[in-house]
PDB file of all heavy atoms in Angstrom:
ATOM      1  N   LEU A   1      18.371 147.840  52.594  1.00  0.00           N
ATOM      2  CA  LEU A   1      19.068 148.272  51.358  1.00  0.00           C
ATOM      3  C   LEU A   1      20.506 148.709  51.559  1.00  0.00           C
ATOM      4  O   LEU A   1      20.877 149.344  52.549  1.00  0.00           O
ATOM      5  CB  LEU A   1      18.294 149.273  50.664  1.00  0.00           C
ATOM      6  CG  LEU A   1      16.775 149.030  50.511  1.00  0.00           C
ATOM      7  CD1 LEU A   1      16.090 150.205  49.765  1.00  0.00           C
ATOM      8  CD2 LEU A   1      16.594 147.781  49.616  1.00  0.00           C
ATOM      9  N   PRO A   2      21.402 148.323  50.604  1.00  0.00           N
ATOM     10  CA  PRO A   2      22.720 148.755  50.622  1.00  0.00           C
ATOM     11  C   PRO A   2      22.982 150.212  50.084  1.00  0.00           C
ATOM     12  O   PRO A   2      24.089 150.730  50.535  1.00  0.00           O
ATOM     13  CB  PRO A   2      23.475 147.780  49.606  1.00  0.00           C
ATOM     14  CG  PRO A   2      22.407 147.537  48.585  1.00  0.00           C
ATOM     15  CD  PRO A   2      21.015 147.498  49.353  1.00  0.00           C
ATOM     16  N   THR A   3      21.821 150.790  49.576  1.00  0.00           N
ATOM     17  CA  THR A   3      21.967 152.120  49.010  1.00  0.00           C
ATOM     18  C   THR A   3      20.538 152.694  48.895  1.00  0.00           C
ATOM     19  O   THR A   3      19.701 151.955  49.254  1.00  0.00           O
ATOM     20  CB  THR A   3      22.847 152.384  47.787  1.00  0.00           C
ATOM     21  OG1 THR A   3      22.925 153.731  47.454  1.00  0.00           O
ATOM     22  CG2 THR A   3      22.073 151.567  46.599  1.00  0.00           C
ATOM     23  N   ASP A   4      20.230 153.920  48.520  1.00  0.00           N
ATOM     24  CA  ASP A   4      18.955 154.304  48.384  1.00  0.00           C
ATOM     25  C   ASP A   4      18.210 153.504  47.397  1.00  0.00           C
ATOM     26  O   ASP A   4      18.655 153.047  46.416  1.00  0.00           O
ATOM     27  CB  ASP A   4      18.950 155.820  48.194  1.00  0.00           C
ATOM     28  CG  ASP A   4      19.347 156.066  46.705  1.00  0.00           C
ATOM     29  OD1 ASP A   4      20.759 156.140  46.535  1.00  0.00           O
ATOM     30  OD2 ASP A   4      18.651 156.243  45.791  1.00  0.00           O
ATOM     31  N   ALA A   5      16.778 153.411  47.553  1.00  0.00           N
ATOM     32  CA  ALA A   5      15.930 152.624  46.807  1.00  0.00           C
ATOM     33  C   ALA A   5      16.002 153.137  45.299  1.00  0.00           C
ATOM     34  O   ALA A   5      15.839 152.196  44.483  1.00  0.00           O
ATOM     35  CB  ALA A   5      14.592 152.755  47.320  1.00  0.00           C
ATOM     36  N   ARG A   6      16.067 154.327  44.912  1.00  0.00           N
ATOM     37  CA  ARG A   6      16.043 154.816  43.740  1.00  0.00           C
ATOM     38  C   ARG A   6      17.223 154.323  42.881  1.00  0.00           C
ATOM     39  O   ARG A   6      17.230 153.913  41.785  1.00  0.00           O
ATOM     40  CB  ARG A   6      15.930 156.314  43.525  1.00  0.00           C
ATOM     41  CG  ARG A   6      14.594 156.801  44.212  1.00  0.00           C
ATOM     42  CD  ARG A   6      14.484 158.383  43.897  1.00  0.00           C
ATOM     43  NE  ARG A   6      13.186 158.839  44.342  1.00  0.00           N
ATOM     44  CZ  ARG A   6      12.031 158.637  43.853  1.00  0.00           C
ATOM     45  NH1 ARG A   6      11.914 157.979  42.678  1.00  0.00           N
ATOM     46  NH2 ARG A   6      10.912 159.144  44.377  1.00  0.00           N
ATOM     47  N   THR A   7      18.491 154.288  43.526  1.00  0.00           N
ATOM     48  CA  THR A   7      19.608 153.745  43.002  1.00  0.00           C
ATOM     49  C   THR A   7      19.448 152.287  42.598  1.00  0.00           C
ATOM     50  O   THR A   7      19.910 151.802  41.540  1.00  0.00           O
ATOM     51  CB  THR A   7      20.869 154.059  43.937  1.00  0.00           C
ATOM     52  OG1 THR A   7      21.016 155.438  43.994  1.00  0.00           O
ATOM     53  CG2 THR A   7      22.218 153.465  43.187  1.00  0.00           C
ATOM     54  N   VAL A   8      18.939 151.541  43.603  1.00  0.00           N
ATOM     55  CA  VAL A   8      18.573 150.090  43.359  1.00  0.00           C
ATOM     56  C   VAL A   8      17.645 149.842  42.091  1.00  0.00           C
ATOM     57  O   VAL A   8      17.933 149.119  41.331  1.00  0.00           O
ATOM     58  CB  VAL A   8      18.135 149.419  44.619  1.00  0.00           C
ATOM     59  CG1 VAL A   8      17.908 147.953  44.324  1.00  0.00           C
ATOM     60  CG2 VAL A   8      19.011 149.613  45.808  1.00  0.00           C
ATOM     61  N   ALA A   9      16.707 150.700  42.169  1.00  0.00           N
ATOM     62  CA  ALA A   9      15.724 150.623  41.000  1.00  0.00           C
ATOM     63  C   ALA A   9      16.357 150.942  39.667  1.00  0.00           C
ATOM     64  O   ALA A   9      16.151 150.249  38.594  1.00  0.00           O
ATOM     65  CB  ALA A   9      14.538 151.496  41.236  1.00  0.00           C
ATOM     66  N   GLN A  10      17.328 152.002  39.594  1.00  0.00           N
ATOM     67  CA  GLN A  10      17.929 152.193  38.509  1.00  0.00           C
ATOM     68  C   GLN A  10      18.928 151.041  38.024  1.00  0.00           C
ATOM     69  O   GLN A  10      18.971 150.667  36.843  1.00  0.00           O
ATOM     70  CB  GLN A  10      18.847 153.623  38.654  1.00  0.00           C
ATOM     71  CG  GLN A  10      19.578 153.997  37.425  1.00  0.00           C
ATOM     72  CD  GLN A  10      20.489 155.127  37.799  1.00  0.00           C
ATOM     73  OE1 GLN A  10      20.682 155.544  38.899  1.00  0.00           O
ATOM     74  NE2 GLN A  10      20.814 155.889  36.756  1.00  0.00           N
ATOM     75  N   MET A  11      19.522 150.471  39.167  1.00  0.00           N
ATOM     76  CA  MET A  11      20.385 149.373  38.824  1.00  0.00           C
ATOM     77  C   MET A  11      19.578 148.145  38.264  1.00  0.00           C
ATOM     78  O   MET A  11      20.069 147.433  37.380  1.00  0.00           O
ATOM     79  CB  MET A  11      21.038 149.035  40.164  1.00  0.00           C
ATOM     80  CG  MET A  11      21.978 147.713  40.033  1.00  0.00           C
ATOM     81  SD  MET A  11      23.459 148.088  39.110  1.00  0.00           S
ATOM     82  CE  MET A  11      23.971 146.414  38.738  1.00  0.00           C
ATOM     83  N   PHE A  12      18.480 147.878  38.881  1.00  0.00           N
ATOM     84  CA  PHE A  12      17.619 146.822  38.486  1.00  0.00           C
ATOM     85  C   PHE A  12      17.199 147.078  36.995  1.00  0.00           C
ATOM     86  O   PHE A  12      17.209 146.015  36.162  1.00  0.00           O
ATOM     87  CB  PHE A  12      16.447 146.776  39.342  1.00  0.00           C
ATOM     88  CG  PHE A  12      15.306 145.773  39.190  1.00  0.00           C
ATOM     89  CD1 PHE A  12      15.524 144.812  38.221  1.00  0.00           C
ATOM     90  CD2 PHE A  12      14.157 145.918  39.770  1.00  0.00           C
ATOM     91  CE1 PHE A  12      14.689 143.653  38.057  1.00  0.00           C
ATOM     92  CE2 PHE A  12      13.247 144.905  39.574  1.00  0.00           C
ATOM     93  CZ  PHE A  12      13.484 143.890  38.714  1.00  0.00           C
ATOM     94  N   ALA A  13      16.703 148.184  36.593  1.00  0.00           N
ATOM     95  CA  ALA A  13      16.389 148.403  35.132  1.00  0.00           C
ATOM     96  C   ALA A  13      17.570 148.289  34.187  1.00  0.00           C
ATOM     97  O   ALA A  13      17.326 147.625  33.113  1.00  0.00           O
ATOM     98  CB  ALA A  13      15.804 149.866  35.139  1.00  0.00           C
ATOM     99  N   ALA A  14      18.716 148.681  34.612  1.00  0.00           N
ATOM    100  CA  ALA A  14      19.905 148.723  33.852  1.00  0.00           C
ATOM    101  C   ALA A  14      20.258 147.081  33.567  1.00  0.00           C
ATOM    102  O   ALA A  14      20.801 146.732  32.525  1.00  0.00           O
ATOM    103  CB  ALA A  14      21.034 149.496  34.236  1.00  0.00           C
ATOM    104  N   TYR A  15      20.063 146.481  34.569  1.00  0.00           N
ATOM    105  CA  TYR A  15      20.377 145.045  34.626  1.00  0.00           C
ATOM    106  C   TYR A  15      19.527 144.259  33.750  1.00  0.00           C
ATOM    107  O   TYR A  15      20.010 143.464  32.788  1.00  0.00           O
ATOM    108  CB  TYR A  15      20.298 144.496  35.981  1.00  0.00           C
ATOM    109  CG  TYR A  15      20.293 142.935  36.149  1.00  0.00           C
ATOM    110  CD1 TYR A  15      21.476 142.250  36.181  1.00  0.00           C
ATOM    111  CD2 TYR A  15      19.006 142.178  36.225  1.00  0.00           C
ATOM    112  CE1 TYR A  15      21.434 140.846  36.373  1.00  0.00           C
ATOM    113  CE2 TYR A  15      18.950 140.803  36.252  1.00  0.00           C
ATOM    114  CZ  TYR A  15      20.181 140.146  36.452  1.00  0.00           C
ATOM    115  OH  TYR A  15      20.096 138.876  36.553  1.00  0.00           O
ATOM    116  N   GLU A  16      18.262 144.517  33.740  1.00  0.00           N
ATOM    117  CA  GLU A  16      17.360 143.903  32.838  1.00  0.00           C
ATOM    118  C   GLU A  16      17.590 144.263  31.385  1.00  0.00           C
ATOM    119  O   GLU A  16      17.494 143.339  30.480  1.00  0.00           O
ATOM    120  CB  GLU A  16      15.817 144.284  33.304  1.00  0.00           C
ATOM    121  CG  GLU A  16      15.321 143.787  34.522  1.00  0.00           C
ATOM    122  CD  GLU A  16      15.255 142.276  34.409  1.00  0.00           C
ATOM    123  OE1 GLU A  16      14.397 141.719  33.669  1.00  0.00           O
ATOM    124  OE2 GLU A  16      16.066 141.521  35.133  1.00  0.00           O
ATOM    125  N   ASP A  17      17.913 145.421  31.153  1.00  0.00           N
ATOM    126  CA  ASP A  17      18.324 145.876  29.714  1.00  0.00           C
ATOM    127  C   ASP A  17      19.681 145.110  29.369  1.00  0.00           C
ATOM    128  O   ASP A  17      19.734 144.631  28.065  1.00  0.00           O
ATOM    129  CB  ASP A  17      18.550 147.356  29.749  1.00  0.00           C
ATOM    130  CG  ASP A  17      17.175 148.146  29.913  1.00  0.00           C
ATOM    131  OD1 ASP A  17      16.147 147.524  29.594  1.00  0.00           O
ATOM    132  OD2 ASP A  17      17.352 149.264  30.114  1.00  0.00           O
ATOM    133  N   ALA A  18      20.544 145.059  30.172  1.00  0.00           N
ATOM    134  CA  ALA A  18      21.770 144.475  29.804  1.00  0.00           C
ATOM    135  C   ALA A  18      21.732 143.018  29.348  1.00  0.00           C
ATOM    136  O   ALA A  18      22.460 142.500  28.525  1.00  0.00           O
ATOM    137  CB  ALA A  18      22.899 144.515  30.889  1.00  0.00           C
ATOM    138  N   LYS A  19      20.724 142.404  29.935  1.00  0.00           N
ATOM    139  CA  LYS A  19      20.655 140.877  29.625  1.00  0.00           C
ATOM    140  C   LYS A  19      20.040 140.613  28.220  1.00  0.00           C
ATOM    141  O   LYS A  19      20.334 139.535  27.668  1.00  0.00           O
ATOM    142  CB  LYS A  19      19.607 140.241  30.644  1.00  0.00           C
ATOM    143  CG  LYS A  19      20.110 139.936  31.965  1.00  0.00           C
ATOM    144  CD  LYS A  19      19.346 139.131  32.898  1.00  0.00           C
ATOM    145  CE  LYS A  19      17.927 139.716  33.272  1.00  0.00           C
ATOM    146  NZ  LYS A  19      16.808 139.413  32.525  1.00  0.00           N
ATOM    147  N   THR A  20      19.509 141.720  27.683  1.00  0.00           N
ATOM    148  CA  THR A  20      18.921 141.458  26.259  1.00  0.00           C
ATOM    149  C   THR A  20      20.001 141.510  25.214  1.00  0.00           C
ATOM    150  O   THR A  20      19.759 141.099  24.100  1.00  0.00           O
ATOM    151  CB  THR A  20      17.847 142.475  25.976  1.00  0.00           C
ATOM    152  OG1 THR A  20      18.392 143.833  25.997  1.00  0.00           O
ATOM    153  CG2 THR A  20      16.744 142.453  27.095  1.00  0.00           C
ATOM    154  N   SER A  21      21.176 141.940  25.535  1.00  0.00           N
ATOM    155  CA  SER A  21      22.183 142.169  24.630  1.00  0.00           C
ATOM    156  C   SER A  21      23.647 142.052  25.194  1.00  0.00           C
ATOM    157  O   SER A  21      24.488 142.809  24.924  1.00  0.00           O
ATOM    158  CB  SER A  21      22.059 143.483  23.857  1.00  0.00           C
ATOM    159  OG  SER A  21      22.203 144.622  24.774  1.00  0.00           O
ATOM    160  N   TYR A  22      23.663 141.063  25.827  1.00  0.00           N
ATOM    161  CA  TYR A  22      25.095 140.641  26.579  1.00  0.00           C
ATOM    162  C   TYR A  22      25.949 139.925  25.528  1.00  0.00           C
ATOM    163  O   TYR A  22      25.796 138.685  25.200  1.00  0.00           O
ATOM    164  CB  TYR A  22      24.873 139.924  27.759  1.00  0.00           C
ATOM    165  CG  TYR A  22      26.134 139.718  28.594  1.00  0.00           C
ATOM    166  CD1 TYR A  22      26.560 140.599  29.478  1.00  0.00           C
ATOM    167  CD2 TYR A  22      26.794 138.484  28.446  1.00  0.00           C
ATOM    168  CE1 TYR A  22      27.714 140.396  30.260  1.00  0.00           C
ATOM    169  CE2 TYR A  22      28.075 138.293  29.056  1.00  0.00           C
ATOM    170  CZ  TYR A  22      28.456 139.274  30.044  1.00  0.00           C
ATOM    171  OH  TYR A  22      29.566 139.096  30.886  1.00  0.00           O
ATOM    172  N   ASP A  23      26.973 140.581  24.983  1.00  0.00           N
ATOM    173  CA  ASP A  23      27.931 139.974  24.013  1.00  0.00           C
ATOM    174  C   ASP A  23      27.174 139.163  22.909  1.00  0.00           C
ATOM    175  O   ASP A  23      27.498 138.111  22.452  1.00  0.00           O
ATOM    176  CB  ASP A  23      28.790 139.037  24.702  1.00  0.00           C
ATOM    177  CG  ASP A  23      29.714 139.836  25.729  1.00  0.00           C
ATOM    178  OD1 ASP A  23      29.870 140.949  25.415  1.00  0.00           O
ATOM    179  OD2 ASP A  23      30.220 139.067  26.509  1.00  0.00           O
ATOM    180  N   GLY A  24      26.051 139.814  22.466  1.00  0.00           N
ATOM    181  CA  GLY A  24      25.241 139.275  21.233  1.00  0.00           C
ATOM    182  C   GLY A  24      24.374 138.021  21.659  1.00  0.00           C
ATOM    183  O   GLY A  24      23.713 137.524  20.793  1.00  0.00           O
ATOM    184  N   VAL A  25      24.164 137.718  22.946  1.00  0.00           N
ATOM    185  CA  VAL A  25      23.414 136.633  23.520  1.00  0.00           C
ATOM    186  C   VAL A  25      22.551 137.113  24.388  1.00  0.00           C
ATOM    187  O   VAL A  25      22.851 137.927  25.222  1.00  0.00           O
ATOM    188  CB  VAL A  25      24.330 135.530  24.059  1.00  0.00           C
ATOM    189  CG1 VAL A  25      23.476 134.329  24.495  1.00  0.00           C
ATOM    190  CG2 VAL A  25      25.253 134.953  22.951  1.00  0.00           C
ATOM    191  N   ARG A  26      21.267 136.628  24.326  1.00  0.00           N
ATOM    192  CA  ARG A  26      20.250 136.953  25.384  1.00  0.00           C
ATOM    193  C   ARG A  26      20.524 136.179  26.574  1.00  0.00           C
ATOM    194  O   ARG A  26      20.395 134.912  26.468  1.00  0.00           O
ATOM    195  CB  ARG A  26      18.752 136.794  24.792  1.00  0.00           C
ATOM    196  CG  ARG A  26      17.726 137.215  25.812  1.00  0.00           C
ATOM    197  CD  ARG A  26      16.418 137.418  25.205  1.00  0.00           C
ATOM    198  NE  ARG A  26      15.534 138.007  26.017  1.00  0.00           N
ATOM    199  CZ  ARG A  26      14.449 138.794  25.610  1.00  0.00           C
ATOM    200  NH1 ARG A  26      14.245 138.828  24.305  1.00  0.00           N
ATOM    201  NH2 ARG A  26      13.644 139.313  26.500  1.00  0.00           N
ATOM    202  N   LEU A  27      20.562 136.755  27.812  1.00  0.00           N
ATOM    203  CA  LEU A  27      20.755 136.022  29.031  1.00  0.00           C
ATOM    204  C   LEU A  27      19.410 135.989  29.801  1.00  0.00           C
ATOM    205  O   LEU A  27      18.775 136.946  29.850  1.00  0.00           O
ATOM    206  CB  LEU A  27      21.765 136.694  29.846  1.00  0.00           C
ATOM    207  CG  LEU A  27      23.307 136.836  29.271  1.00  0.00           C
ATOM    208  CD1 LEU A  27      24.168 137.576  30.350  1.00  0.00           C
ATOM    209  CD2 LEU A  27      23.759 135.437  28.941  1.00  0.00           C
ATOM    210  N   LEU A  28      19.301 134.788  30.387  1.00  0.00           N
ATOM    211  CA  LEU A  28      18.094 134.663  31.337  1.00  0.00           C
ATOM    212  C   LEU A  28      18.659 134.162  32.578  1.00  0.00           C
ATOM    213  O   LEU A  28      19.563 133.215  32.718  1.00  0.00           O
ATOM    214  CB  LEU A  28      17.083 133.575  30.862  1.00  0.00           C
ATOM    215  CG  LEU A  28      16.596 133.720  29.425  1.00  0.00           C
ATOM    216  CD1 LEU A  28      15.529 132.659  29.084  1.00  0.00           C
ATOM    217  CD2 LEU A  28      15.841 135.022  29.339  1.00  0.00           C
ATOM    218  N   ASP A  29      18.189 134.845  33.810  1.00  0.00           N
ATOM    219  CA  ASP A  29      18.627 134.370  35.082  1.00  0.00           C
ATOM    220  C   ASP A  29      17.667 133.339  35.576  1.00  0.00           C
ATOM    221  O   ASP A  29      16.597 133.033  34.885  1.00  0.00           O
ATOM    222  CB  ASP A  29      18.755 135.587  36.087  1.00  0.00           C
ATOM    223  CG  ASP A  29      17.564 136.474  36.125  1.00  0.00           C
ATOM    224  OD1 ASP A  29      16.405 135.919  36.090  1.00  0.00           O
ATOM    225  OD2 ASP A  29      17.698 137.613  36.425  1.00  0.00           O
ATOM    226  N   PHE A  30      17.775 132.955  36.878  1.00  0.00           N
ATOM    227  CA  PHE A  30      16.840 131.860  37.407  1.00  0.00           C
ATOM    228  C   PHE A  30      15.441 132.304  37.498  1.00  0.00           C
ATOM    229  O   PHE A  30      14.582 131.443  37.304  1.00  0.00           O
ATOM    230  CB  PHE A  30      17.492 131.309  38.646  1.00  0.00           C
ATOM    231  CG  PHE A  30      18.668 130.375  38.492  1.00  0.00           C
ATOM    232  CD1 PHE A  30      19.898 130.694  38.805  1.00  0.00           C
ATOM    233  CD2 PHE A  30      18.360 129.024  38.130  1.00  0.00           C
ATOM    234  CE1 PHE A  30      20.986 129.896  38.637  1.00  0.00           C
ATOM    235  CE2 PHE A  30      19.428 128.214  37.983  1.00  0.00           C
ATOM    236  CZ  PHE A  30      20.701 128.403  38.241  1.00  0.00           C
ATOM    237  N   GLU A  31      15.239 133.555  37.822  1.00  0.00           N
ATOM    238  CA  GLU A  31      13.894 134.099  37.955  1.00  0.00           C
ATOM    239  C   GLU A  31      13.390 134.005  36.532  1.00  0.00           C
ATOM    240  O   GLU A  31      12.054 133.900  36.404  1.00  0.00           O
ATOM    241  CB  GLU A  31      13.897 135.408  38.562  1.00  0.00           C
ATOM    242  CG  GLU A  31      14.271 135.332  40.149  1.00  0.00           C
ATOM    243  CD  GLU A  31      15.818 135.110  40.349  1.00  0.00           C
ATOM    244  OE1 GLU A  31      16.612 135.784  39.511  1.00  0.00           O
ATOM    245  OE2 GLU A  31      16.028 134.255  41.194  1.00  0.00           O
TER     246      GLU A  31
END
């Protein structure tokens, strides 16, 4: 890991939330 696991998990959760309202469009990544 590049940092502690809890920070990565926090980042992961925030990333998932950000995709639902990114500049008014829902984003989907490859996964």
